[in-house]
């Protein structure tokens, strides 16, 4: 199956939620967005697609792609992206990163930023506001001098927290990066 404008994606391990650590079930709820699977495998790319995402790549997507919600009558419903069984149609604007050969590359419009956590004598560990280290970047940001490990300043209300392989990172659009810090 191939879609005209969307990627055909399946959640990894055919699991829409990440509710287990080993054999231990840590959550039985589908209400929390934090527990939704955000990694899927590209089954097919759109017609005439010319970008760098390939069939077989793993991609990090928006949390609502695989999310099950309850309608007004309390009946569980699949997301609007659901097509059939474990197949979902995903538009390119909600694909945040590609994982290929163990390497993570952010997509063209997004960057992942590692928060800076400092120890304060009175307050304990504190995350610095609007600052971080570029973690996963794209060619657009690299062309502007933002490479992995570079300390950056970013705009307010742009720190959308993501967890990728146990690491907490902020996801933001390229345009939210305000400056390179020394």
Foldseek 3Di string as FASTA:
>chain_A
DAAAAFFKKFFPVNDQFQQDDVPDGNDDDLPDLQGGGQKIFGCGYHPPDDDDDDHGKIWGFHSLQAGWDADPVRDTDGGPQDDDRRIGTHGPVGTAWIADPNDIAGDDFKWKWAWDWDQDPPPGIDTDPQKTFTAHYHPVVVVVVRDGGFIFGFDPPFFDWDADPNGIIGMGTPVRTDGTDD
